């Protein structure tokens, strides 16, 4: 065990002895379900790393982009801007369908 681990454990033991953890919210209650609890144990670490790196699958990013385009389209007042946003949204929707179909085929 390295020196930092030993120091951390010693401080935790001291805090327990000093009852510093008593009265914390949720004491004695089960932990809330993890967002990844539905993911198979073999994939959890991979998903966690991707999530912490703020990386998402391309399909998820396209869905986010589509939501943003729809929001901007609804707020746009200029007809030319709306036409451009509508075209970009159709492109994103097509791209999304292609990616989904590609994933279904297992490529």
PDB file of N, CA and C in Angstrom:
ATOM      1  N   UNK A   1       0.852  -1.170   0.000  1.00  0.00           N
ATOM      2  CA  UNK A   1       0.000   0.000   0.000  1.00  0.00           C
ATOM      3  C   UNK A   1       0.902   1.238   0.000  1.00  0.00           C
ATOM      4  N   UNK A   2       0.590   2.215  -0.859  1.00  0.00           N
ATOM      5  CA  UNK A   2       1.451   3.391  -0.903  1.00  0.00           C
ATOM      6  C   UNK A   2       1.130   4.357   0.228  1.00  0.00           C
ATOM      7  N   UNK A   3       1.980   5.330   0.401  1.00  0.00           N
ATOM      8  CA  UNK A   3       1.884   6.260   1.528  1.00  0.00           C
ATOM      9  C   UNK A   3       0.593   7.083   1.479  1.00  0.00           C
ATOM     10  N   UNK A   4       0.141   7.459   0.266  1.00  0.00           N
ATOM     11  CA  UNK A   4      -1.076   8.266   0.152  1.00  0.00           C
ATOM     12  C   UNK A   4      -2.315   7.463   0.541  1.00  0.00           C
ATOM     13  N   UNK A   5      -2.349   6.194   0.146  1.00  0.00           N
ATOM     14  CA  UNK A   5      -3.469   5.333   0.513  1.00  0.00           C
ATOM     15  C   UNK A   5      -3.513   5.155   2.025  1.00  0.00           C
ATOM     16  N   UNK A   6      -2.359   4.907   2.619  1.00  0.00           N
ATOM     17  CA  UNK A   6      -2.296   4.749   4.076  1.00  0.00           C
ATOM     18  C   UNK A   6      -2.743   6.017   4.788  1.00  0.00           C
ATOM     19  N   UNK A   7      -2.308   7.174   4.286  1.00  0.00           N
ATOM     20  CA  UNK A   7      -2.694   8.450   4.892  1.00  0.00           C
ATOM     21  C   UNK A   7      -4.206   8.663   4.772  1.00  0.00           C
ATOM     22  N   UNK A   8      -4.756   8.367   3.599  1.00  0.00           N
ATOM     23  CA  UNK A   8      -6.199   8.525   3.400  1.00  0.00           C
ATOM     24  C   UNK A   8      -6.980   7.603   4.333  1.00  0.00           C
ATOM     25  N   UNK A   9      -6.557   6.352   4.428  1.00  0.00           N
ATOM     26  CA  UNK A   9      -7.241   5.411   5.313  1.00  0.00           C
ATOM     27  C   UNK A   9      -7.165   5.859   6.763  1.00  0.00           C
ATOM     28  N   UNK A  10      -6.030   6.365   7.165  1.00  0.00           N
ATOM     29  CA  UNK A  10      -5.858   6.845   8.539  1.00  0.00           C
ATOM     30  C   UNK A  10      -6.798   8.016   8.830  1.00  0.00           C
ATOM     31  N   UNK A  11      -6.917   8.928   7.881  1.00  0.00           N
ATOM     32  CA  UNK A  11      -7.817  10.083   8.063  1.00  0.00           C
ATOM     33  C   UNK A  11      -9.276   9.641   8.108  1.00  0.00           C
ATOM     34  N   UNK A  12      -9.630   8.672   7.275  1.00  0.00           N
ATOM     35  CA  UNK A  12     -11.005   8.157   7.295  1.00  0.00           C
ATOM     36  C   UNK A  12     -11.294   7.497   8.638  1.00  0.00           C
ATOM     37  N   UNK A  13     -10.374   6.681   9.137  1.00  0.00           N
ATOM     38  CA  UNK A  13     -10.556   6.025  10.436  1.00  0.00           C
ATOM     39  C   UNK A  13     -10.717   7.059  11.543  1.00  0.00           C
ATOM     40  N   UNK A  14      -9.916   8.116  11.476  1.00  0.00           N
ATOM     41  CA  UNK A  14     -10.002   9.163  12.498  1.00  0.00           C
ATOM     42  C   UNK A  14     -11.349   9.888  12.419  1.00  0.00           C
ATOM     43  N   UNK A  15     -11.808  10.165  11.209  1.00  0.00           N
ATOM     44  CA  UNK A  15     -13.100  10.837  11.034  1.00  0.00           C
ATOM     45  C   UNK A  15     -14.235   9.963  11.560  1.00  0.00           C
ATOM     46  N   UNK A  16     -14.137   8.661  11.344  1.00  0.00           N
ATOM     47  CA  UNK A  16     -15.149   7.741  11.877  1.00  0.00           C
ATOM     48  C   UNK A  16     -15.109   7.762  13.399  1.00  0.00           C
ATOM     49  N   UNK A  17     -13.911   7.719  13.954  1.00  0.00           N
ATOM     50  CA  UNK A  17     -13.772   7.738  15.418  1.00  0.00           C
ATOM     51  C   UNK A  17     -14.314   9.040  15.990  1.00  0.00           C
ATOM     52  N   UNK A  18     -14.117  10.154  15.276  1.00  0.00           N
ATOM     53  CA  UNK A  18     -14.610  11.456  15.734  1.00  0.00           C
ATOM     54  C   UNK A  18     -16.080  11.672  15.381  1.00  0.00           C
ATOM     55  N   UNK A  19     -16.719  10.663  14.785  1.00  0.00           N
ATOM     56  CA  UNK A  19     -18.137  10.677  14.425  1.00  0.00           C
ATOM     57  C   UNK A  19     -18.483  11.799  13.435  1.00  0.00           C
ATOM     58  N   UNK A  20     -17.531  12.141  12.566  1.00  0.00           N
ATOM     59  CA  UNK A  20     -17.760  13.206  11.586  1.00  0.00           C
ATOM     60  C   UNK A  20     -18.729  12.791  10.480  1.00  0.00           C
ATOM     61  N   UNK A  21     -18.919  11.499  10.312  1.00  0.00           N
ATOM     62  CA  UNK A  21     -19.817  11.021   9.266  1.00  0.00           C
ATOM     63  C   UNK A  21     -21.234  10.782   9.783  1.00  0.00           C
ATOM     64  N   UNK A  22     -21.450  10.920  11.072  1.00  0.00           N
ATOM     65  CA  UNK A  22     -22.788  10.745  11.630  1.00  0.00           C
ATOM     66  C   UNK A  22     -23.692  11.877  11.157  1.00  0.00           C
ATOM     67  N   UNK A  23     -24.928  11.564  10.879  1.00  0.00           N
ATOM     68  CA  UNK A  23     -25.909  12.585  10.499  1.00  0.00           C
ATOM     69  C   UNK A  23     -25.848  12.993   9.037  1.00  0.00           C
ATOM     70  N   UNK A  24     -25.057  12.313   8.234  1.00  0.00           N
ATOM     71  CA  UNK A  24     -25.033  12.637   6.811  1.00  0.00           C
ATOM     72  C   UNK A  24     -26.348  12.203   6.166  1.00  0.00           C
ATOM     73  N   UNK A  25     -26.831  12.953   5.164  1.00  0.00           N
ATOM     74  CA  UNK A  25     -28.073  12.562   4.493  1.00  0.00           C
ATOM     75  C   UNK A  25     -27.939  11.173   3.872  1.00  0.00           C
ATOM     76  N   UNK A  26     -28.948  10.362   4.025  1.00  0.00           N
ATOM     77  CA  UNK A  26     -28.967   9.036   3.430  1.00  0.00           C
ATOM     78  C   UNK A  26     -28.246   7.971   4.236  1.00  0.00           C
ATOM     79  N   UNK A  27     -27.795   8.318   5.434  1.00  0.00           N
ATOM     80  CA  UNK A  27     -27.074   7.336   6.244  1.00  0.00           C
ATOM     81  C   UNK A  27     -27.964   6.129   6.503  1.00  0.00           C
ATOM     82  N   UNK A  28     -27.427   4.948   6.251  1.00  0.00           N
ATOM     83  CA  UNK A  28     -28.164   3.718   6.470  1.00  0.00           C
ATOM     84  C   UNK A  28     -29.089   3.334   5.327  1.00  0.00           C
ATOM     85  N   UNK A  29     -29.155   4.174   4.304  1.00  0.00           N
ATOM     86  CA  UNK A  29     -30.019   3.909   3.155  1.00  0.00           C
ATOM     87  C   UNK A  29     -29.196   3.280   2.031  1.00  0.00           C
ATOM     88  N   UNK A  30     -29.848   2.501   1.166  1.00  0.00           N
ATOM     89  CA  UNK A  30     -29.098   1.957   0.026  1.00  0.00           C
ATOM     90  C   UNK A  30     -28.680   3.078  -0.922  1.00  0.00           C
ATOM     91  N   UNK A  31     -27.604   2.860  -1.626  1.00  0.00           N
ATOM     92  CA  UNK A  31     -27.150   3.846  -2.603  1.00  0.00           C
ATOM     93  C   UNK A  31     -28.168   3.954  -3.727  1.00  0.00           C
ATOM     94  N   UNK A  32     -28.327   5.146  -4.303  1.00  0.00           N
ATOM     95  CA  UNK A  32     -29.248   5.273  -5.434  1.00  0.00           C
ATOM     96  C   UNK A  32     -28.711   4.467  -6.620  1.00  0.00           C
ATOM     97  N   UNK A  33     -29.595   4.026  -7.503  1.00  0.00           N
ATOM     98  CA  UNK A  33     -29.130   3.237  -8.638  1.00  0.00           C
ATOM     99  C   UNK A  33     -28.183   4.062  -9.513  1.00  0.00           C
ATOM    100  N   UNK A  34     -27.158   3.417  -9.978  1.00  0.00           N
ATOM    101  CA  UNK A  34     -26.183   4.037 -10.861  1.00  0.00           C
ATOM    102  C   UNK A  34     -26.808   4.192 -12.236  1.00  0.00           C
ATOM    103  N   UNK A  35     -26.441   5.243 -12.936  1.00  0.00           N
ATOM    104  CA  UNK A  35     -26.964   5.448 -14.287  1.00  0.00           C
ATOM    105  C   UNK A  35     -26.573   4.309 -15.212  1.00  0.00           C
ATOM    106  N   UNK A  36     -25.509   3.608 -14.869  1.00  0.00           N
ATOM    107  CA  UNK A  36     -25.042   2.513 -15.711  1.00  0.00           C
ATOM    108  C   UNK A  36     -25.478   1.148 -15.195  1.00  0.00           C
ATOM    109  N   UNK A  37     -26.395   1.110 -14.253  1.00  0.00           N
ATOM    110  CA  UNK A  37     -26.787  -0.176 -13.669  1.00  0.00           C
ATOM    111  C   UNK A  37     -27.441  -1.102 -14.688  1.00  0.00           C
ATOM    112  N   UNK A  38     -28.010  -0.555 -15.753  1.00  0.00           N
ATOM    113  CA  UNK A  38     -28.643  -1.390 -16.771  1.00  0.00           C
ATOM    114  C   UNK A  38     -27.637  -1.926 -17.784  1.00  0.00           C
ATOM    115  N   UNK A  39     -26.414  -1.400 -17.733  1.00  0.00           N
ATOM    116  CA  UNK A  39     -25.374  -1.825 -18.675  1.00  0.00           C
ATOM    117  C   UNK A  39     -24.714  -3.087 -18.134  1.00  0.00           C
ATOM    118  N   UNK A  40     -24.366  -3.997 -19.024  1.00  0.00           N
ATOM    119  CA  UNK A  40     -23.735  -5.243 -18.582  1.00  0.00           C
ATOM    120  C   UNK A  40     -22.425  -4.938 -17.859  1.00  0.00           C
ATOM    121  N   UNK A  41     -22.084  -5.743 -16.852  1.00  0.00           N
ATOM    122  CA  UNK A  41     -20.861  -5.498 -16.082  1.00  0.00           C
ATOM    123  C   UNK A  41     -19.610  -5.427 -16.953  1.00  0.00           C
ATOM    124  N   UNK A  42     -19.584  -6.172 -18.066  1.00  0.00           N
ATOM    125  CA  UNK A  42     -18.408  -6.161 -18.933  1.00  0.00           C
ATOM    126  C   UNK A  42     -18.210  -4.806 -19.620  1.00  0.00           C
ATOM    127  N   UNK A  43     -19.289  -4.065 -19.814  1.00  0.00           N
ATOM    128  CA  UNK A  43     -19.201  -2.792 -20.534  1.00  0.00           C
ATOM    129  C   UNK A  43     -19.194  -1.567 -19.631  1.00  0.00           C
ATOM    130  N   UNK A  44     -19.481  -1.738 -18.341  1.00  0.00           N
ATOM    131  CA  UNK A  44     -19.605  -0.577 -17.460  1.00  0.00           C
ATOM    132  C   UNK A  44     -18.360   0.289 -17.414  1.00  0.00           C
ATOM    133  N   UNK A  45     -17.202  -0.326 -17.287  1.00  0.00           N
ATOM    134  CA  UNK A  45     -15.975   0.459 -17.206  1.00  0.00           C
ATOM    135  C   UNK A  45     -15.755   1.248 -18.492  1.00  0.00           C
ATOM    136  N   UNK A  46     -15.984   0.617 -19.624  1.00  0.00           N
ATOM    137  CA  UNK A  46     -15.827   1.301 -20.907  1.00  0.00           C
ATOM    138  C   UNK A  46     -16.775   2.482 -21.004  1.00  0.00           C
ATOM    139  N   UNK A  47     -18.044   2.274 -20.647  1.00  0.00           N
ATOM    140  CA  UNK A  47     -19.025   3.358 -20.689  1.00  0.00           C
ATOM    141  C   UNK A  47     -18.640   4.478 -19.733  1.00  0.00           C
ATOM    142  N   UNK A  48     -18.149   4.108 -18.559  1.00  0.00           N
ATOM    143  CA  UNK A  48     -17.763   5.103 -17.571  1.00  0.00           C
ATOM    144  C   UNK A  48     -16.615   5.968 -18.088  1.00  0.00           C
ATOM    145  N   UNK A  49     -15.625   5.329 -18.713  1.00  0.00           N
ATOM    146  CA  UNK A  49     -14.490   6.066 -19.278  1.00  0.00           C
ATOM    147  C   UNK A  49     -14.968   7.019 -20.368  1.00  0.00           C
ATOM    148  N   UNK A  50     -15.818   6.529 -21.256  1.00  0.00           N
ATOM    149  CA  UNK A  50     -16.346   7.386 -22.316  1.00  0.00           C
ATOM    150  C   UNK A  50     -17.158   8.552 -21.753  1.00  0.00           C
ATOM    151  N   UNK A  51     -17.973   8.265 -20.758  1.00  0.00           N
ATOM    152  CA  UNK A  51     -18.794   9.307 -20.147  1.00  0.00           C
ATOM    153  C   UNK A  51     -17.919  10.358 -19.477  1.00  0.00           C
ATOM    154  N   UNK A  52     -16.898   9.922 -18.731  1.00  0.00           N
ATOM    155  CA  UNK A  52     -16.010  10.861 -18.056  1.00  0.00           C
ATOM    156  C   UNK A  52     -15.212  11.697 -19.041  1.00  0.00           C
ATOM    157  N   UNK A  53     -14.926  11.133 -20.211  1.00  0.00           N
ATOM    158  CA  UNK A  53     -14.205  11.874 -21.245  1.00  0.00           C
ATOM    159  C   UNK A  53     -15.149  12.738 -22.071  1.00  0.00           C
ATOM    160  N   UNK A  54     -16.435  12.685 -21.717  1.00  0.00           N
ATOM    161  CA  UNK A  54     -17.489  13.424 -22.420  1.00  0.00           C
ATOM    162  C   UNK A  54     -17.552  13.050 -23.900  1.00  0.00           C
ATOM    163  N   UNK A  55     -17.335  11.773 -24.163  1.00  0.00           N
ATOM    164  CA  UNK A  55     -17.452  11.248 -25.510  1.00  0.00           C
ATOM    165  C   UNK A  55     -18.772  10.502 -25.619  1.00  0.00           C
ATOM    166  N   UNK A  56     -19.422  10.674 -26.740  1.00  0.00           N
ATOM    167  CA  UNK A  56     -20.687   9.982 -26.956  1.00  0.00           C
ATOM    168  C   UNK A  56     -20.653   9.328 -28.326  1.00  0.00           C
ATOM    169  N   UNK A  57     -21.452   8.286 -28.516  1.00  0.00           N
ATOM    170  CA  UNK A  57     -21.533   7.674 -29.843  1.00  0.00           C
ATOM    171  C   UNK A  57     -22.030   8.699 -30.866  1.00  0.00           C
ATOM    172  N   UNK A  58     -21.647   8.535 -32.130  1.00  0.00           N
ATOM    173  CA  UNK A  58     -22.069   9.492 -33.158  1.00  0.00           C
ATOM    174  C   UNK A  58     -23.581   9.672 -33.220  1.00  0.00           C
ATOM    175  N   UNK A  59     -24.333   8.581 -33.003  1.00  0.00           N
ATOM    176  CA  UNK A  59     -25.794   8.677 -33.062  1.00  0.00           C
ATOM    177  C   UNK A  59     -26.326   9.626 -31.993  1.00  0.00           C
ATOM    178  N   UNK A  60     -25.750   9.566 -30.815  1.00  0.00           N
ATOM    179  CA  UNK A  60     -26.200  10.433 -29.728  1.00  0.00           C
ATOM    180  C   UNK A  60     -25.875  11.888 -30.050  1.00  0.00           C
ATOM    181  N   UNK A  61     -24.688  12.137 -30.594  1.00  0.00           N
ATOM    182  CA  UNK A  61     -24.318  13.507 -30.951  1.00  0.00           C
ATOM    183  C   UNK A  61     -25.238  14.056 -32.031  1.00  0.00           C
ATOM    184  N   UNK A  62     -25.584  13.215 -33.009  1.00  0.00           N
ATOM    185  CA  UNK A  62     -26.490  13.674 -34.070  1.00  0.00           C
ATOM    186  C   UNK A  62     -27.863  14.000 -33.487  1.00  0.00           C
ATOM    187  N   UNK A  63     -28.349  13.178 -32.559  1.00  0.00           N
ATOM    188  CA  UNK A  63     -29.638  13.474 -31.919  1.00  0.00           C
ATOM    189  C   UNK A  63     -29.576  14.803 -31.180  1.00  0.00           C
ATOM    190  N   UNK A  64     -28.480  15.063 -30.497  1.00  0.00           N
ATOM    191  CA  UNK A  64     -28.311  16.350 -29.805  1.00  0.00           C
ATOM    192  C   UNK A  64     -28.301  17.496 -30.810  1.00  0.00           C
ATOM    193  N   UNK A  65     -27.575  17.297 -31.916  1.00  0.00           N
ATOM    194  CA  UNK A  65     -27.526  18.326 -32.957  1.00  0.00           C
ATOM    195  C   UNK A  65     -28.911  18.580 -33.537  1.00  0.00           C
ATOM    196  N   UNK A  66     -29.671  17.507 -33.750  1.00  0.00           N
ATOM    197  CA  UNK A  66     -31.023  17.654 -34.302  1.00  0.00           C
ATOM    198  C   UNK A  66     -31.914  18.442 -33.346  1.00  0.00           C
ATOM    199  N   UNK A  67     -31.803  18.177 -32.050  1.00  0.00           N
ATOM    200  CA  UNK A  67     -32.581  18.943 -31.070  1.00  0.00           C
ATOM    201  C   UNK A  67     -32.224  20.423 -31.125  1.00  0.00           C
ATOM    202  N   UNK A  68     -30.929  20.704 -31.227  1.00  0.00           N
ATOM    203  CA  UNK A  68     -30.476  22.090 -31.300  1.00  0.00           C
ATOM    204  C   UNK A  68     -30.979  22.760 -32.585  1.00  0.00           C
ATOM    205  N   UNK A  69     -30.913  22.045 -33.692  1.00  0.00           N
ATOM    206  CA  UNK A  69     -31.410  22.599 -34.957  1.00  0.00           C
ATOM    207  C   UNK A  69     -32.906  22.883 -34.884  1.00  0.00           C
ATOM    208  N   UNK A  70     -33.659  21.978 -34.271  1.00  0.00           N
ATOM    209  CA  UNK A  70     -35.108  22.208 -34.122  1.00  0.00           C
ATOM    210  C   UNK A  70     -35.390  23.433 -33.252  1.00  0.00           C
ATOM    211  N   UNK A  71     -34.626  23.562 -32.186  1.00  0.00           N
ATOM    212  CA  UNK A  71     -34.792  24.717 -31.300  1.00  0.00           C
ATOM    213  C   UNK A  71     -34.496  26.016 -32.053  1.00  0.00           C
ATOM    214  N   UNK A  72     -33.401  26.007 -32.802  1.00  0.00           N
ATOM    215  CA  UNK A  72     -33.031  27.200 -33.576  1.00  0.00           C
ATOM    216  C   UNK A  72     -34.044  27.482 -34.666  1.00  0.00           C
ATOM    217  N   UNK A  73     -34.574  26.431 -35.289  1.00  0.00           N
ATOM    218  CA  UNK A  73     -35.585  26.593 -36.339  1.00  0.00           C
ATOM    219  C   UNK A  73     -36.836  27.256 -35.761  1.00  0.00           C
ATOM    220  N   UNK A  74     -37.277  26.768 -34.605  1.00  0.00           N
ATOM    221  CA  UNK A  74     -38.471  27.331 -33.975  1.00  0.00           C
ATOM    222  C   UNK A  74     -38.282  28.795 -33.590  1.00  0.00           C
ATOM    223  N   UNK A  75     -37.055  29.171 -33.246  1.00  0.00           N
ATOM    224  CA  UNK A  75     -36.784  30.538 -32.808  1.00  0.00           C
ATOM    225  C   UNK A  75     -36.452  31.480 -33.969  1.00  0.00           C
ATOM    226  N   UNK A  76     -36.150  30.925 -35.135  1.00  0.00           N
ATOM    227  CA  UNK A  76     -35.727  31.750 -36.277  1.00  0.00           C
ATOM    228  C   UNK A  76     -36.889  32.570 -36.809  1.00  0.00           C
ATOM    229  N   UNK A  77     -36.606  33.817 -37.123  1.00  0.00           N
ATOM    230  CA  UNK A  77     -37.636  34.678 -37.680  1.00  0.00           C
ATOM    231  C   UNK A  77     -37.469  34.870 -39.176  1.00  0.00           C
ATOM    232  N   UNK A  78     -36.256  34.825 -39.631  1.00  0.00           N
ATOM    233  CA  UNK A  78     -35.933  35.037 -41.038  1.00  0.00           C
ATOM    234  C   UNK A  78     -36.202  33.764 -41.842  1.00  0.00           C
ATOM    235  N   UNK A  79     -36.910  33.900 -42.956  1.00  0.00           N
ATOM    236  CA  UNK A  79     -37.278  32.733 -43.764  1.00  0.00           C
ATOM    237  C   UNK A  79     -36.061  32.053 -44.374  1.00  0.00           C
ATOM    238  N   UNK A  80     -35.058  32.816 -44.765  1.00  0.00           N
ATOM    239  CA  UNK A  80     -33.846  32.226 -45.332  1.00  0.00           C
ATOM    240  C   UNK A  80     -33.116  31.391 -44.283  1.00  0.00           C
ATOM    241  N   UNK A  81     -33.060  31.889 -43.066  1.00  0.00           N
ATOM    242  CA  UNK A  81     -32.425  31.136 -41.987  1.00  0.00           C
ATOM    243  C   UNK A  81     -33.203  29.853 -41.699  1.00  0.00           C
ATOM    244  N   UNK A  82     -34.532  29.943 -41.707  1.00  0.00           N
ATOM    245  CA  UNK A  82     -35.357  28.757 -41.474  1.00  0.00           C
ATOM    246  C   UNK A  82     -35.141  27.715 -42.577  1.00  0.00           C
ATOM    247  N   UNK A  83     -35.006  28.171 -43.825  1.00  0.00           N
ATOM    248  CA  UNK A  83     -34.777  27.265 -44.937  1.00  0.00           C
ATOM    249  C   UNK A  83     -33.438  26.541 -44.767  1.00  0.00           C
ATOM    250  N   UNK A  84     -32.405  27.285 -44.387  1.00  0.00           N
ATOM    251  CA  UNK A  84     -31.090  26.696 -44.173  1.00  0.00           C
ATOM    252  C   UNK A  84     -31.127  25.691 -43.019  1.00  0.00           C
ATOM    253  N   UNK A  85     -31.784  26.032 -41.915  1.00  0.00           N
ATOM    254  CA  UNK A  85     -31.885  25.131 -40.762  1.00  0.00           C
ATOM    255  C   UNK A  85     -32.689  23.876 -41.099  1.00  0.00           C
ATOM    256  N   UNK A  86     -33.749  24.036 -41.886  1.00  0.00           N
ATOM    257  CA  UNK A  86     -34.565  22.893 -42.304  1.00  0.00           C
ATOM    258  C   UNK A  86     -33.724  21.929 -43.144  1.00  0.00           C
ATOM    259  N   UNK A  87     -32.898  22.491 -44.026  1.00  0.00           N
ATOM    260  CA  UNK A  87     -32.021  21.663 -44.861  1.00  0.00           C
ATOM    261  C   UNK A  87     -30.979  20.930 -44.015  1.00  0.00           C
ATOM    262  N   UNK A  88     -30.388  21.624 -43.058  1.00  0.00           N
ATOM    263  CA  UNK A  88     -29.406  20.993 -42.171  1.00  0.00           C
ATOM    264  C   UNK A  88     -30.059  19.908 -41.312  1.00  0.00           C
ATOM    265  N   UNK A  89     -31.293  20.149 -40.888  1.00  0.00           N
ATOM    266  CA  UNK A  89     -32.015  19.166 -40.089  1.00  0.00           C
ATOM    267  C   UNK A  89     -32.308  17.908 -40.917  1.00  0.00           C
ATOM    268  N   UNK A  90     -32.731  18.085 -42.168  1.00  0.00           N
ATOM    269  CA  UNK A  90     -32.980  16.925 -43.034  1.00  0.00           C
ATOM    270  C   UNK A  90     -31.694  16.127 -43.256  1.00  0.00           C
ATOM    271  N   UNK A  91     -30.583  16.824 -43.435  1.00  0.00           N
ATOM    272  CA  UNK A  91     -29.300  16.149 -43.609  1.00  0.00           C
ATOM    273  C   UNK A  91     -28.954  15.345 -42.352  1.00  0.00           C
ATOM    274  N   UNK A  92     -29.121  15.956 -41.176  1.00  0.00           N
ATOM    275  CA  UNK A  92     -28.818  15.274 -39.913  1.00  0.00           C
ATOM    276  C   UNK A  92     -29.722  14.058 -39.726  1.00  0.00           C
ATOM    277  N   UNK A  93     -30.994  14.186 -40.061  1.00  0.00           N
ATOM    278  CA  UNK A  93     -31.922  13.058 -39.938  1.00  0.00           C
ATOM    279  C   UNK A  93     -31.504  11.913 -40.856  1.00  0.00           C
ATOM    280  N   UNK A  94     -31.096  12.238 -42.073  1.00  0.00           N
ATOM    281  CA  UNK A  94     -30.643  11.204 -43.009  1.00  0.00           C
ATOM    282  C   UNK A  94     -29.374  10.538 -42.486  1.00  0.00           C
ATOM    283  N   UNK A  95     -28.453  11.337 -42.013  1.00  0.00           N
ATOM    284  CA  UNK A  95     -27.207  10.812 -41.448  1.00  0.00           C
ATOM    285  C   UNK A  95     -27.510   9.872 -40.271  1.00  0.00           C
ATOM    286  N   UNK A  96     -28.439  10.273 -39.419  1.00  0.00           N
ATOM    287  CA  UNK A  96     -28.826   9.452 -38.274  1.00  0.00           C
ATOM    288  C   UNK A  96     -29.401   8.108 -38.731  1.00  0.00           C
ATOM    289  N   UNK A  97     -30.307   8.143 -39.714  1.00  0.00           N
ATOM    290  CA  UNK A  97     -30.905   6.898 -40.211  1.00  0.00           C
ATOM    291  C   UNK A  97     -29.844   5.972 -40.812  1.00  0.00           C
ATOM    292  N   UNK A  98     -28.890   6.541 -41.535  1.00  0.00           N
ATOM    293  CA  UNK A  98     -27.818   5.724 -42.121  1.00  0.00           C
ATOM    294  C   UNK A  98     -26.991   5.058 -41.028  1.00  0.00           C
ATOM    295  N   UNK A  99     -26.623   5.820 -39.999  1.00  0.00           N
ATOM    296  CA  UNK A  99     -25.848   5.241 -38.899  1.00  0.00           C
ATOM    297  C   UNK A  99     -26.616   4.148 -38.171  1.00  0.00           C
ATOM    298  N   UNK A 100     -27.901   4.368 -37.954  1.00  0.00           N
ATOM    299  CA  UNK A 100     -28.721   3.361 -37.273  1.00  0.00           C
ATOM    300  C   UNK A 100     -28.807   2.089 -38.113  1.00  0.00           C
ATOM    301  N   UNK A 101     -28.996   2.247 -39.400  1.00  0.00           N
ATOM    302  CA  UNK A 101     -29.088   1.092 -40.286  1.00  0.00           C
ATOM    303  C   UNK A 101     -27.748   0.347 -40.326  1.00  0.00           C
ATOM    304  N   UNK A 102     -26.677   1.082 -40.358  1.00  0.00           N
ATOM    305  CA  UNK A 102     -25.336   0.480 -40.358  1.00  0.00           C
ATOM    306  C   UNK A 102     -25.121  -0.330 -39.083  1.00  0.00           C
ATOM    307  N   UNK A 103     -25.559   0.203 -37.952  1.00  0.00           N
ATOM    308  CA  UNK A 103     -25.398  -0.516 -36.675  1.00  0.00           C
ATOM    309  C   UNK A 103     -26.281  -1.751 -36.606  1.00  0.00           C
ATOM    310  N   UNK A 104     -27.448  -1.698 -37.221  1.00  0.00           N
ATOM    311  CA  UNK A 104     -28.335  -2.871 -37.235  1.00  0.00           C
ATOM    312  C   UNK A 104     -27.691  -4.022 -38.005  1.00  0.00           C
ATOM    313  N   UNK A 105     -26.961  -3.680 -39.052  1.00  0.00           N
ATOM    314  CA  UNK A 105     -26.320  -4.696 -39.876  1.00  0.00           C
ATOM    315  C   UNK A 105     -25.039  -5.210 -39.233  1.00  0.00           C
ATOM    316  N   UNK A 106     -24.598  -4.560 -38.180  1.00  0.00           N
ATOM    317  CA  UNK A 106     -23.425  -5.023 -37.448  1.00  0.00           C
ATOM    318  C   UNK A 106     -22.112  -4.742 -38.133  1.00  0.00           C
ATOM    319  N   UNK A 107     -22.050  -3.722 -38.921  1.00  0.00           N
ATOM    320  CA  UNK A 107     -20.800  -3.381 -39.602  1.00  0.00           C
ATOM    321  C   UNK A 107     -19.880  -2.626 -38.695  1.00  0.00           C
TER     322      UNK A 107
END
